[in-house]
């Protein structure tokens, strides 16, 4: 089993709670309050470790809320390397309205990171002894759009494989840098990257295959929410439908998908087996409201009902 490191440039303290009914201007009493360390890479590490792997978290932490994030990571027994920053770690909220069953999510942009702060993170990550590095999540204000390519260049020179899951310019610059083991855009993020709407599964598959054939990534997994996902590889494109599950929460579904897929690849599974495990984990994450992410028992149970991927 290969070891991994995850990089989270814009981590969160994820707070979730339930409310009977959302009503403006009124004080709404909440219950079922829960706190968890969050942000793309941290979420990936949480699920990866639950599945039995070893992961180190590189992350930025600062302000009055920084120590709270550090404590939550320790509570989850995650191996961590903290890069201190002056700005406060953001707090993201997920509120479940019991009356409607709908979830409301509130996510700040994050603190402004200085030049010397993000460069310190770059140097720390570049020296990692992990065999796979997962770059996951948004970039906070102040971090340049080519931060991920800078990390990729340093790591690839040392033979370390890289996985990318981001959005906007950070995703585009990372794909253009190329040489990724895996990149996981949503269909909306892929459409933004290619610059036009993708009308069908075949359109999505062809767009993903173009990146694979150009050497941008060995694998591209495009998640499509309730429609399922498409995997593009050197052997072609494959489709898996979403499992018929009523979503209780969308928090961390994509991160759980990435964690499980990377876990399978790290232990030597073939690409399609890794794809199936990713679908099972993404589905497991939405079973319950809140910030719990995917749990191994749910993943194993759901995996048994997932057919072999269909070739497009």
C-alpha atoms as a PDB file:
ATOM      1  CA  UNK A   1       0.000   0.000   0.000  1.00  0.00           C
ATOM      2  CA  UNK A   2       1.427   3.352  -1.051  1.00  0.00           C
ATOM      3  CA  UNK A   3       1.356   6.188   1.458  1.00  0.00           C
ATOM      4  CA  UNK A   4      -0.288   9.483   0.579  1.00  0.00           C
ATOM      5  CA  UNK A   5      -0.138  13.111   1.618  1.00  0.00           C
ATOM      6  CA  UNK A   6      -2.954  15.584   1.120  1.00  0.00           C
ATOM      7  CA  UNK A   7      -2.685  19.334   0.662  1.00  0.00           C
ATOM      8  CA  UNK A   8      -5.488  21.597   1.878  1.00  0.00           C
ATOM      9  CA  UNK A   9      -4.826  25.277   1.176  1.00  0.00           C
ATOM     10  CA  UNK A  10      -8.257  26.437   2.336  1.00  0.00           C
ATOM     11  CA  UNK A  11      -9.318  24.160   5.216  1.00  0.00           C
ATOM     12  CA  UNK A  12     -12.468  24.590   7.257  1.00  0.00           C
ATOM     13  CA  UNK A  13     -13.956  23.853  10.588  1.00  0.00           C
ATOM     14  CA  UNK A  14     -17.134  22.155   9.399  1.00  0.00           C
ATOM     15  CA  UNK A  15     -20.112  22.743  11.652  1.00  0.00           C
ATOM     16  CA  UNK A  16     -23.385  20.915  11.084  1.00  0.00           C
ATOM     17  CA  UNK A  17     -26.668  21.058  12.950  1.00  0.00           C
ATOM     18  CA  UNK A  18     -30.389  20.559  12.531  1.00  0.00           C
ATOM     19  CA  UNK A  19     -33.187  23.093  12.798  1.00  0.00           C
ATOM     20  CA  UNK A  20     -36.934  22.507  12.762  1.00  0.00           C
ATOM     21  CA  UNK A  21     -37.625  25.225  10.186  1.00  0.00           C
ATOM     22  CA  UNK A  22     -35.579  27.970   8.501  1.00  0.00           C
ATOM     23  CA  UNK A  23     -37.181  31.349   9.273  1.00  0.00           C
ATOM     24  CA  UNK A  24     -35.591  34.706   8.498  1.00  0.00           C
ATOM     25  CA  UNK A  25     -35.018  37.220  11.335  1.00  0.00           C
ATOM     26  CA  UNK A  26     -36.080  34.638  13.957  1.00  0.00           C
ATOM     27  CA  UNK A  27     -33.731  32.992  16.418  1.00  0.00           C
ATOM     28  CA  UNK A  28     -33.732  29.318  15.454  1.00  0.00           C
ATOM     29  CA  UNK A  29     -32.764  26.782  18.088  1.00  0.00           C
ATOM     30  CA  UNK A  30     -30.547  23.994  16.758  1.00  0.00           C
ATOM     31  CA  UNK A  31     -29.668  20.491  17.860  1.00  0.00           C
ATOM     32  CA  UNK A  32     -27.519  17.576  16.705  1.00  0.00           C
ATOM     33  CA  UNK A  33     -24.518  19.908  16.620  1.00  0.00           C
ATOM     34  CA  UNK A  34     -21.312  18.440  15.208  1.00  0.00           C
ATOM     35  CA  UNK A  35     -17.812  19.783  14.511  1.00  0.00           C
ATOM     36  CA  UNK A  36     -15.286  18.224  12.138  1.00  0.00           C
ATOM     37  CA  UNK A  37     -12.046  19.188  10.382  1.00  0.00           C
ATOM     38  CA  UNK A  38     -12.788  19.871   6.727  1.00  0.00           C
ATOM     39  CA  UNK A  39     -11.585  21.086   3.381  1.00  0.00           C
ATOM     40  CA  UNK A  40     -10.828  18.917   0.353  1.00  0.00           C
ATOM     41  CA  UNK A  41      -7.524  17.320   1.310  1.00  0.00           C
ATOM     42  CA  UNK A  42      -8.431  16.864   4.968  1.00  0.00           C
ATOM     43  CA  UNK A  43     -11.677  15.135   3.984  1.00  0.00           C
ATOM     44  CA  UNK A  44      -9.761  12.859   1.613  1.00  0.00           C
ATOM     45  CA  UNK A  45      -7.336  11.937   4.394  1.00  0.00           C
ATOM     46  CA  UNK A  46     -10.165  11.188   6.835  1.00  0.00           C
ATOM     47  CA  UNK A  47     -11.753   8.640   4.492  1.00  0.00           C
ATOM     48  CA  UNK A  48      -8.429   7.226   3.248  1.00  0.00           C
ATOM     49  CA  UNK A  49      -7.334   6.473   6.828  1.00  0.00           C
ATOM     50  CA  UNK A  50     -10.718   4.920   7.679  1.00  0.00           C
ATOM     51  CA  UNK A  51     -10.214   2.515   4.789  1.00  0.00           C
ATOM     52  CA  UNK A  52      -6.890   1.419   6.233  1.00  0.00           C
ATOM     53  CA  UNK A  53      -4.314   3.638   4.546  1.00  0.00           C
ATOM     54  CA  UNK A  54      -1.703   6.061   5.896  1.00  0.00           C
ATOM     55  CA  UNK A  55      -2.025   9.770   5.123  1.00  0.00           C
ATOM     56  CA  UNK A  56      -0.314  12.973   6.201  1.00  0.00           C
ATOM     57  CA  UNK A  57      -2.231  16.266   6.022  1.00  0.00           C
ATOM     58  CA  UNK A  58      -0.476  19.463   4.951  1.00  0.00           C
ATOM     59  CA  UNK A  59      -2.720  22.444   5.674  1.00  0.00           C
ATOM     60  CA  UNK A  60      -2.787  26.135   6.510  1.00  0.00           C
ATOM     61  CA  UNK A  61      -4.065  27.181   9.930  1.00  0.00           C
ATOM     62  CA  UNK A  62      -4.271  30.523  11.672  1.00  0.00           C
ATOM     63  CA  UNK A  63      -6.089  33.160  13.682  1.00  0.00           C
ATOM     64  CA  UNK A  64      -8.275  32.448  16.690  1.00  0.00           C
ATOM     65  CA  UNK A  65      -9.913  29.501  14.901  1.00  0.00           C
ATOM     66  CA  UNK A  66      -6.667  27.814  13.862  1.00  0.00           C
ATOM     67  CA  UNK A  67      -6.062  25.986  17.161  1.00  0.00           C
ATOM     68  CA  UNK A  68      -9.611  24.621  17.014  1.00  0.00           C
ATOM     69  CA  UNK A  69      -8.896  23.068  13.611  1.00  0.00           C
ATOM     70  CA  UNK A  70      -5.611  21.639  14.914  1.00  0.00           C
ATOM     71  CA  UNK A  71      -7.461  20.083  17.839  1.00  0.00           C
ATOM     72  CA  UNK A  72     -10.103  18.544  15.603  1.00  0.00           C
ATOM     73  CA  UNK A  73      -7.415  16.961  13.421  1.00  0.00           C
ATOM     74  CA  UNK A  74      -5.824  15.473  16.544  1.00  0.00           C
ATOM     75  CA  UNK A  75      -9.233  14.208  17.683  1.00  0.00           C
ATOM     76  CA  UNK A  76      -9.543  12.363  14.364  1.00  0.00           C
ATOM     77  CA  UNK A  77      -6.005  11.013  14.890  1.00  0.00           C
ATOM     78  CA  UNK A  78      -4.699  12.395  11.611  1.00  0.00           C
ATOM     79  CA  UNK A  79      -0.974  12.858  11.055  1.00  0.00           C
ATOM     80  CA  UNK A  80      -0.569  16.543  10.305  1.00  0.00           C
ATOM     81  CA  UNK A  81       1.885  19.208   9.194  1.00  0.00           C
ATOM     82  CA  UNK A  82       0.529  22.673   9.996  1.00  0.00           C
ATOM     83  CA  UNK A  83       1.711  25.714   8.063  1.00  0.00           C
ATOM     84  CA  UNK A  84       0.916  28.730  10.263  1.00  0.00           C
ATOM     85  CA  UNK A  85      -0.779  31.780   8.736  1.00  0.00           C
ATOM     86  CA  UNK A  86      -1.961  35.064  10.207  1.00  0.00           C
ATOM     87  CA  UNK A  87      -5.536  34.930   8.879  1.00  0.00           C
ATOM     88  CA  UNK A  88      -8.280  32.976  10.671  1.00  0.00           C
ATOM     89  CA  UNK A  89      -9.241  29.503   9.526  1.00  0.00           C
ATOM     90  CA  UNK A  90     -12.730  29.671   8.009  1.00  0.00           C
ATOM     91  CA  UNK A  91     -15.824  28.058   9.478  1.00  0.00           C
ATOM     92  CA  UNK A  92     -18.313  26.405   7.114  1.00  0.00           C
ATOM     93  CA  UNK A  93     -21.852  25.510   8.175  1.00  0.00           C
ATOM     94  CA  UNK A  94     -24.329  22.885   6.992  1.00  0.00           C
ATOM     95  CA  UNK A  95     -27.880  23.260   8.323  1.00  0.00           C
ATOM     96  CA  UNK A  96     -30.496  20.541   7.881  1.00  0.00           C
ATOM     97  CA  UNK A  97     -34.080  21.809   7.921  1.00  0.00           C
ATOM     98  CA  UNK A  98     -36.081  18.882   9.288  1.00  0.00           C
ATOM     99  CA  UNK A  99     -39.421  20.173   7.990  1.00  0.00           C
ATOM    100  CA  UNK A 100     -38.357  20.009   4.323  1.00  0.00           C
ATOM    101  CA  UNK A 101     -35.408  17.624   4.533  1.00  0.00           C
ATOM    102  CA  UNK A 102     -33.298  20.217   2.693  1.00  0.00           C
ATOM    103  CA  UNK A 103     -29.743  21.077   3.601  1.00  0.00           C
ATOM    104  CA  UNK A 104     -28.370  24.628   3.493  1.00  0.00           C
ATOM    105  CA  UNK A 105     -24.628  25.166   3.196  1.00  0.00           C
ATOM    106  CA  UNK A 106     -22.652  28.323   4.004  1.00  0.00           C
ATOM    107  CA  UNK A 107     -18.990  28.487   2.967  1.00  0.00           C
ATOM    108  CA  UNK A 108     -16.761  31.585   3.362  1.00  0.00           C
ATOM    109  CA  UNK A 109     -14.026  32.416   0.851  1.00  0.00           C
ATOM    110  CA  UNK A 110     -11.278  31.898   3.420  1.00  0.00           C
ATOM    111  CA  UNK A 111      -8.440  34.060   4.774  1.00  0.00           C
ATOM    112  CA  UNK A 112      -6.039  36.049   2.605  1.00  0.00           C
ATOM    113  CA  UNK A 113      -2.716  34.193   2.501  1.00  0.00           C
ATOM    114  CA  UNK A 114       0.553  36.073   2.167  1.00  0.00           C
ATOM    115  CA  UNK A 115       3.325  35.327  -0.287  1.00  0.00           C
ATOM    116  CA  UNK A 116       5.662  33.958   2.363  1.00  0.00           C
ATOM    117  CA  UNK A 117       2.891  31.770   3.840  1.00  0.00           C
ATOM    118  CA  UNK A 118       1.993  29.916   0.654  1.00  0.00           C
ATOM    119  CA  UNK A 119       5.652  29.605  -0.288  1.00  0.00           C
ATOM    120  CA  UNK A 120       6.344  27.984   3.093  1.00  0.00           C
ATOM    121  CA  UNK A 121       3.640  25.451   2.310  1.00  0.00           C
ATOM    122  CA  UNK A 122       5.140  24.794  -1.118  1.00  0.00           C
ATOM    123  CA  UNK A 123       8.522  24.018   0.437  1.00  0.00           C
ATOM    124  CA  UNK A 124       7.037  21.701   3.059  1.00  0.00           C
ATOM    125  CA  UNK A 125       4.970  19.720   0.536  1.00  0.00           C
ATOM    126  CA  UNK A 126       7.873  19.495  -1.919  1.00  0.00           C
ATOM    127  CA  UNK A 127       9.905  17.671   0.733  1.00  0.00           C
ATOM    128  CA  UNK A 128       7.275  15.017   1.503  1.00  0.00           C
ATOM    129  CA  UNK A 129       8.183  11.342   1.542  1.00  0.00           C
ATOM    130  CA  UNK A 130       4.682  10.274   0.430  1.00  0.00           C
ATOM    131  CA  UNK A 131       4.333   8.239  -2.763  1.00  0.00           C
ATOM    132  CA  UNK A 132       1.079   9.930  -3.866  1.00  0.00           C
ATOM    133  CA  UNK A 133       0.080  13.532  -3.122  1.00  0.00           C
ATOM    134  CA  UNK A 134      -3.548  14.643  -3.352  1.00  0.00           C
ATOM    135  CA  UNK A 135      -4.069  18.337  -4.105  1.00  0.00           C
ATOM    136  CA  UNK A 136      -7.664  19.002  -3.202  1.00  0.00           C
ATOM    137  CA  UNK A 137      -9.899  22.000  -2.653  1.00  0.00           C
ATOM    138  CA  UNK A 138     -10.050  25.670  -3.502  1.00  0.00           C
ATOM    139  CA  UNK A 139      -7.219  28.172  -3.219  1.00  0.00           C
ATOM    140  CA  UNK A 140      -7.801  30.981  -0.713  1.00  0.00           C
ATOM    141  CA  UNK A 141      -7.286  34.660  -1.607  1.00  0.00           C
ATOM    142  CA  UNK A 142      -3.629  35.518  -2.079  1.00  0.00           C
ATOM    143  CA  UNK A 143      -2.540  32.108  -3.378  1.00  0.00           C
ATOM    144  CA  UNK A 144      -1.709  32.246  -7.116  1.00  0.00           C
ATOM    145  CA  UNK A 145      -3.670  30.155  -9.621  1.00  0.00           C
ATOM    146  CA  UNK A 146      -0.475  28.314 -10.580  1.00  0.00           C
ATOM    147  CA  UNK A 147       0.215  27.101  -7.032  1.00  0.00           C
ATOM    148  CA  UNK A 148      -0.817  23.540  -7.845  1.00  0.00           C
ATOM    149  CA  UNK A 149       1.364  23.409 -10.998  1.00  0.00           C
ATOM    150  CA  UNK A 150       4.306  24.628  -8.912  1.00  0.00           C
ATOM    151  CA  UNK A 151       3.721  21.774  -6.465  1.00  0.00           C
ATOM    152  CA  UNK A 152       3.271  19.293  -9.326  1.00  0.00           C
ATOM    153  CA  UNK A 153       6.539  20.320 -10.939  1.00  0.00           C
ATOM    154  CA  UNK A 154       8.485  19.792  -7.716  1.00  0.00           C
ATOM    155  CA  UNK A 155       6.859  16.448  -6.972  1.00  0.00           C
ATOM    156  CA  UNK A 156       7.053  14.989 -10.481  1.00  0.00           C
ATOM    157  CA  UNK A 157      10.792  15.715 -10.511  1.00  0.00           C
ATOM    158  CA  UNK A 158      11.025  13.314  -7.556  1.00  0.00           C
ATOM    159  CA  UNK A 159       8.809  10.648  -9.144  1.00  0.00           C
ATOM    160  CA  UNK A 160       5.855  11.301  -6.821  1.00  0.00           C
ATOM    161  CA  UNK A 161       2.395  10.781  -8.330  1.00  0.00           C
ATOM    162  CA  UNK A 162      -0.168  13.577  -8.024  1.00  0.00           C
ATOM    163  CA  UNK A 163      -3.976  13.619  -7.835  1.00  0.00           C
ATOM    164  CA  UNK A 164      -5.898  16.866  -8.418  1.00  0.00           C
ATOM    165  CA  UNK A 165      -9.420  17.829  -7.366  1.00  0.00           C
ATOM    166  CA  UNK A 166     -10.099  21.545  -7.552  1.00  0.00           C
ATOM    167  CA  UNK A 167     -12.100  24.069  -9.583  1.00  0.00           C
ATOM    168  CA  UNK A 168     -11.833  27.156 -11.751  1.00  0.00           C
ATOM    169  CA  UNK A 169      -8.404  28.485 -12.657  1.00  0.00           C
ATOM    170  CA  UNK A 170      -6.647  26.218 -10.141  1.00  0.00           C
ATOM    171  CA  UNK A 171      -8.093  23.133 -11.835  1.00  0.00           C
ATOM    172  CA  UNK A 172      -7.390  24.427 -15.338  1.00  0.00           C
ATOM    173  CA  UNK A 173      -3.765  25.317 -14.576  1.00  0.00           C
ATOM    174  CA  UNK A 174      -3.220  21.928 -12.946  1.00  0.00           C
ATOM    175  CA  UNK A 175      -4.626  20.027 -15.920  1.00  0.00           C
ATOM    176  CA  UNK A 176      -2.531  22.068 -18.325  1.00  0.00           C
ATOM    177  CA  UNK A 177       0.593  21.265 -16.305  1.00  0.00           C
ATOM    178  CA  UNK A 178      -0.134  17.611 -17.059  1.00  0.00           C
ATOM    179  CA  UNK A 179       1.304  14.336 -15.848  1.00  0.00           C
ATOM    180  CA  UNK A 180      -1.383  13.704 -13.220  1.00  0.00           C
ATOM    181  CA  UNK A 181      -2.241  10.237 -11.939  1.00  0.00           C
ATOM    182  CA  UNK A 182      -5.897  11.229 -11.533  1.00  0.00           C
ATOM    183  CA  UNK A 183      -7.967  14.385 -11.911  1.00  0.00           C
ATOM    184  CA  UNK A 184     -11.585  14.563 -10.757  1.00  0.00           C
ATOM    185  CA  UNK A 185     -13.671  17.428 -12.109  1.00  0.00           C
ATOM    186  CA  UNK A 186     -17.436  17.603 -11.789  1.00  0.00           C
ATOM    187  CA  UNK A 187     -19.247  17.849 -15.118  1.00  0.00           C
ATOM    188  CA  UNK A 188     -19.756  21.583 -14.488  1.00  0.00           C
ATOM    189  CA  UNK A 189     -16.041  22.063 -13.813  1.00  0.00           C
ATOM    190  CA  UNK A 190     -15.140  20.111 -16.957  1.00  0.00           C
ATOM    191  CA  UNK A 191     -17.521  22.266 -19.019  1.00  0.00           C
ATOM    192  CA  UNK A 192     -15.866  25.387 -17.627  1.00  0.00           C
ATOM    193  CA  UNK A 193     -12.448  23.971 -18.481  1.00  0.00           C
ATOM    194  CA  UNK A 194     -13.294  23.067 -22.101  1.00  0.00           C
ATOM    195  CA  UNK A 195     -15.308  26.271 -22.591  1.00  0.00           C
ATOM    196  CA  UNK A 196     -18.585  24.820 -23.853  1.00  0.00           C
ATOM    197  CA  UNK A 197     -21.573  22.755 -22.759  1.00  0.00           C
ATOM    198  CA  UNK A 198     -21.319  18.981 -22.862  1.00  0.00           C
ATOM    199  CA  UNK A 199     -24.751  17.718 -23.850  1.00  0.00           C
ATOM    200  CA  UNK A 200     -24.414  13.937 -23.513  1.00  0.00           C
ATOM    201  CA  UNK A 201     -22.411  11.243 -21.791  1.00  0.00           C
ATOM    202  CA  UNK A 202     -20.565  10.737 -25.070  1.00  0.00           C
ATOM    203  CA  UNK A 203     -19.619  14.432 -25.151  1.00  0.00           C
ATOM    204  CA  UNK A 204     -18.328  14.239 -21.578  1.00  0.00           C
ATOM    205  CA  UNK A 205     -16.396  11.064 -22.319  1.00  0.00           C
ATOM    206  CA  UNK A 206     -14.776  12.551 -25.424  1.00  0.00           C
ATOM    207  CA  UNK A 207     -13.736  15.718 -23.578  1.00  0.00           C
ATOM    208  CA  UNK A 208     -12.197  13.629 -20.787  1.00  0.00           C
ATOM    209  CA  UNK A 209     -10.457  11.316 -23.259  1.00  0.00           C
ATOM    210  CA  UNK A 210      -8.875  14.286 -25.042  1.00  0.00           C
ATOM    211  CA  UNK A 211      -7.124  15.256 -21.812  1.00  0.00           C
ATOM    212  CA  UNK A 212      -6.002  11.684 -21.169  1.00  0.00           C
ATOM    213  CA  UNK A 213      -4.681  11.260 -24.722  1.00  0.00           C
ATOM    214  CA  UNK A 214      -2.819  14.572 -24.430  1.00  0.00           C
ATOM    215  CA  UNK A 215      -0.978  13.315 -21.352  1.00  0.00           C
ATOM    216  CA  UNK A 216      -2.712  15.654 -18.921  1.00  0.00           C
ATOM    217  CA  UNK A 217      -3.730  12.751 -16.666  1.00  0.00           C
ATOM    218  CA  UNK A 218      -3.590   8.967 -16.705  1.00  0.00           C
ATOM    219  CA  UNK A 219      -7.174   8.936 -15.413  1.00  0.00           C
ATOM    220  CA  UNK A 220      -9.954  11.511 -15.437  1.00  0.00           C
ATOM    221  CA  UNK A 221     -13.068  10.781 -13.374  1.00  0.00           C
ATOM    222  CA  UNK A 222     -15.975  13.129 -14.115  1.00  0.00           C
ATOM    223  CA  UNK A 223     -18.674  13.119 -11.436  1.00  0.00           C
ATOM    224  CA  UNK A 224     -22.209  13.983 -12.509  1.00  0.00           C
ATOM    225  CA  UNK A 225     -24.224  13.955  -9.283  1.00  0.00           C
ATOM    226  CA  UNK A 226     -27.413  11.918  -9.530  1.00  0.00           C
ATOM    227  CA  UNK A 227     -26.434  10.858 -13.080  1.00  0.00           C
ATOM    228  CA  UNK A 228     -23.363   8.932 -11.952  1.00  0.00           C
ATOM    229  CA  UNK A 229     -19.790   9.299 -13.197  1.00  0.00           C
ATOM    230  CA  UNK A 230     -17.548   8.696 -16.205  1.00  0.00           C
ATOM    231  CA  UNK A 231     -13.974   7.432 -16.111  1.00  0.00           C
ATOM    232  CA  UNK A 232     -11.572   8.105 -18.978  1.00  0.00           C
ATOM    233  CA  UNK A 233      -8.338   6.153 -19.278  1.00  0.00           C
ATOM    234  CA  UNK A 234      -5.935   4.984 -21.940  1.00  0.00           C
ATOM    235  CA  UNK A 235      -8.265   2.011 -22.495  1.00  0.00           C
ATOM    236  CA  UNK A 236     -11.335   4.155 -23.217  1.00  0.00           C
ATOM    237  CA  UNK A 237     -14.253   5.717 -21.346  1.00  0.00           C
ATOM    238  CA  UNK A 238     -16.578   3.965 -18.909  1.00  0.00           C
ATOM    239  CA  UNK A 239     -19.849   4.919 -17.227  1.00  0.00           C
ATOM    240  CA  UNK A 240     -21.376   4.027 -13.871  1.00  0.00           C
ATOM    241  CA  UNK A 241     -24.859   5.222 -12.881  1.00  0.00           C
ATOM    242  CA  UNK A 242     -25.489   6.719  -9.461  1.00  0.00           C
ATOM    243  CA  UNK A 243     -27.007   4.419  -6.893  1.00  0.00           C
ATOM    244  CA  UNK A 244     -30.717   5.060  -6.154  1.00  0.00           C
ATOM    245  CA  UNK A 245     -30.157   6.802  -2.812  1.00  0.00           C
ATOM    246  CA  UNK A 246     -32.048   9.751  -1.393  1.00  0.00           C
ATOM    247  CA  UNK A 247     -29.358  12.255  -0.478  1.00  0.00           C
ATOM    248  CA  UNK A 248     -29.345  13.433   3.128  1.00  0.00           C
ATOM    249  CA  UNK A 249     -26.257  15.590   2.585  1.00  0.00           C
ATOM    250  CA  UNK A 250     -23.890  16.555  -0.220  1.00  0.00           C
ATOM    251  CA  UNK A 251     -20.991  17.395   2.119  1.00  0.00           C
ATOM    252  CA  UNK A 252     -17.821  15.536   1.186  1.00  0.00           C
ATOM    253  CA  UNK A 253     -19.282  13.245  -1.483  1.00  0.00           C
ATOM    254  CA  UNK A 254     -16.634  14.207  -4.040  1.00  0.00           C
ATOM    255  CA  UNK A 255     -13.858  14.016  -1.454  1.00  0.00           C
ATOM    256  CA  UNK A 256     -15.029  10.554  -0.373  1.00  0.00           C
ATOM    257  CA  UNK A 257     -15.053   9.476  -4.044  1.00  0.00           C
ATOM    258  CA  UNK A 258     -11.453  10.663  -4.478  1.00  0.00           C
ATOM    259  CA  UNK A 259     -10.277   9.086  -1.223  1.00  0.00           C
ATOM    260  CA  UNK A 260     -11.667   5.662  -2.089  1.00  0.00           C
ATOM    261  CA  UNK A 261     -10.419   5.735  -5.658  1.00  0.00           C
ATOM    262  CA  UNK A 262      -6.928   6.763  -4.556  1.00  0.00           C
ATOM    263  CA  UNK A 263      -6.998   4.093  -1.827  1.00  0.00           C
ATOM    264  CA  UNK A 264      -7.764   1.410  -4.413  1.00  0.00           C
ATOM    265  CA  UNK A 265      -5.057   2.649  -6.787  1.00  0.00           C
ATOM    266  CA  UNK A 266      -2.562   2.885  -3.913  1.00  0.00           C
ATOM    267  CA  UNK A 267      -3.065  -0.784  -3.038  1.00  0.00           C
ATOM    268  CA  UNK A 268      -2.701  -1.855  -6.678  1.00  0.00           C
ATOM    269  CA  UNK A 269      -6.314  -2.330  -7.802  1.00  0.00           C
ATOM    270  CA  UNK A 270      -7.110  -1.957 -11.496  1.00  0.00           C
ATOM    271  CA  UNK A 271      -8.657   1.291 -12.738  1.00  0.00           C
ATOM    272  CA  UNK A 272     -12.228   0.022 -13.030  1.00  0.00           C
ATOM    273  CA  UNK A 273     -12.184  -1.525  -9.557  1.00  0.00           C
ATOM    274  CA  UNK A 274     -10.963   1.809  -8.205  1.00  0.00           C
ATOM    275  CA  UNK A 275     -13.773   3.559 -10.095  1.00  0.00           C
ATOM    276  CA  UNK A 276     -16.391   1.259  -8.541  1.00  0.00           C
ATOM    277  CA  UNK A 277     -15.003   1.855  -5.046  1.00  0.00           C
ATOM    278  CA  UNK A 278     -15.089   5.602  -5.681  1.00  0.00           C
ATOM    279  CA  UNK A 279     -18.771   5.450  -6.645  1.00  0.00           C
ATOM    280  CA  UNK A 280     -19.543   3.397  -3.538  1.00  0.00           C
ATOM    281  CA  UNK A 281     -17.765   5.893  -1.266  1.00  0.00           C
ATOM    282  CA  UNK A 282     -19.348   8.947  -2.890  1.00  0.00           C
ATOM    283  CA  UNK A 283     -22.749   7.322  -2.436  1.00  0.00           C
ATOM    284  CA  UNK A 284     -21.980   6.370   1.166  1.00  0.00           C
ATOM    285  CA  UNK A 285     -21.152   9.994   1.990  1.00  0.00           C
ATOM    286  CA  UNK A 286     -24.646  11.228   1.094  1.00  0.00           C
ATOM    287  CA  UNK A 287     -26.516   8.655   3.187  1.00  0.00           C
ATOM    288  CA  UNK A 288     -26.453  10.772   6.333  1.00  0.00           C
ATOM    289  CA  UNK A 289     -26.804  14.480   6.975  1.00  0.00           C
ATOM    290  CA  UNK A 290     -23.846  16.380   8.378  1.00  0.00           C
ATOM    291  CA  UNK A 291     -20.091  16.180   7.949  1.00  0.00           C
ATOM    292  CA  UNK A 292     -19.475  12.500   8.672  1.00  0.00           C
ATOM    293  CA  UNK A 293     -18.232  11.587   5.162  1.00  0.00           C
ATOM    294  CA  UNK A 294     -18.160   7.956   3.970  1.00  0.00           C
ATOM    295  CA  UNK A 295     -17.803   5.061   6.406  1.00  0.00           C
ATOM    296  CA  UNK A 296     -16.229   1.706   5.441  1.00  0.00           C
ATOM    297  CA  UNK A 297     -19.247  -0.414   6.403  1.00  0.00           C
ATOM    298  CA  UNK A 298     -21.524   1.657   4.150  1.00  0.00           C
ATOM    299  CA  UNK A 299     -18.957   1.589   1.341  1.00  0.00           C
ATOM    300  CA  UNK A 300     -18.674  -2.204   1.466  1.00  0.00           C
ATOM    301  CA  UNK A 301     -22.435  -2.657   1.528  1.00  0.00           C
ATOM    302  CA  UNK A 302     -23.025  -0.334  -1.433  1.00  0.00           C
ATOM    303  CA  UNK A 303     -20.106  -1.745  -3.431  1.00  0.00           C
ATOM    304  CA  UNK A 304     -21.850  -5.115  -3.590  1.00  0.00           C
ATOM    305  CA  UNK A 305     -24.695  -3.541  -5.596  1.00  0.00           C
ATOM    306  CA  UNK A 306     -22.498  -1.756  -8.162  1.00  0.00           C
ATOM    307  CA  UNK A 307     -22.241  -3.464 -11.544  1.00  0.00           C
ATOM    308  CA  UNK A 308     -19.180  -3.452 -13.776  1.00  0.00           C
ATOM    309  CA  UNK A 309     -18.730  -0.113 -15.591  1.00  0.00           C
ATOM    310  CA  UNK A 310     -20.236   0.099 -19.082  1.00  0.00           C
ATOM    311  CA  UNK A 311     -17.950   1.126 -21.915  1.00  0.00           C
ATOM    312  CA  UNK A 312     -19.026   4.232 -23.827  1.00  0.00           C
END
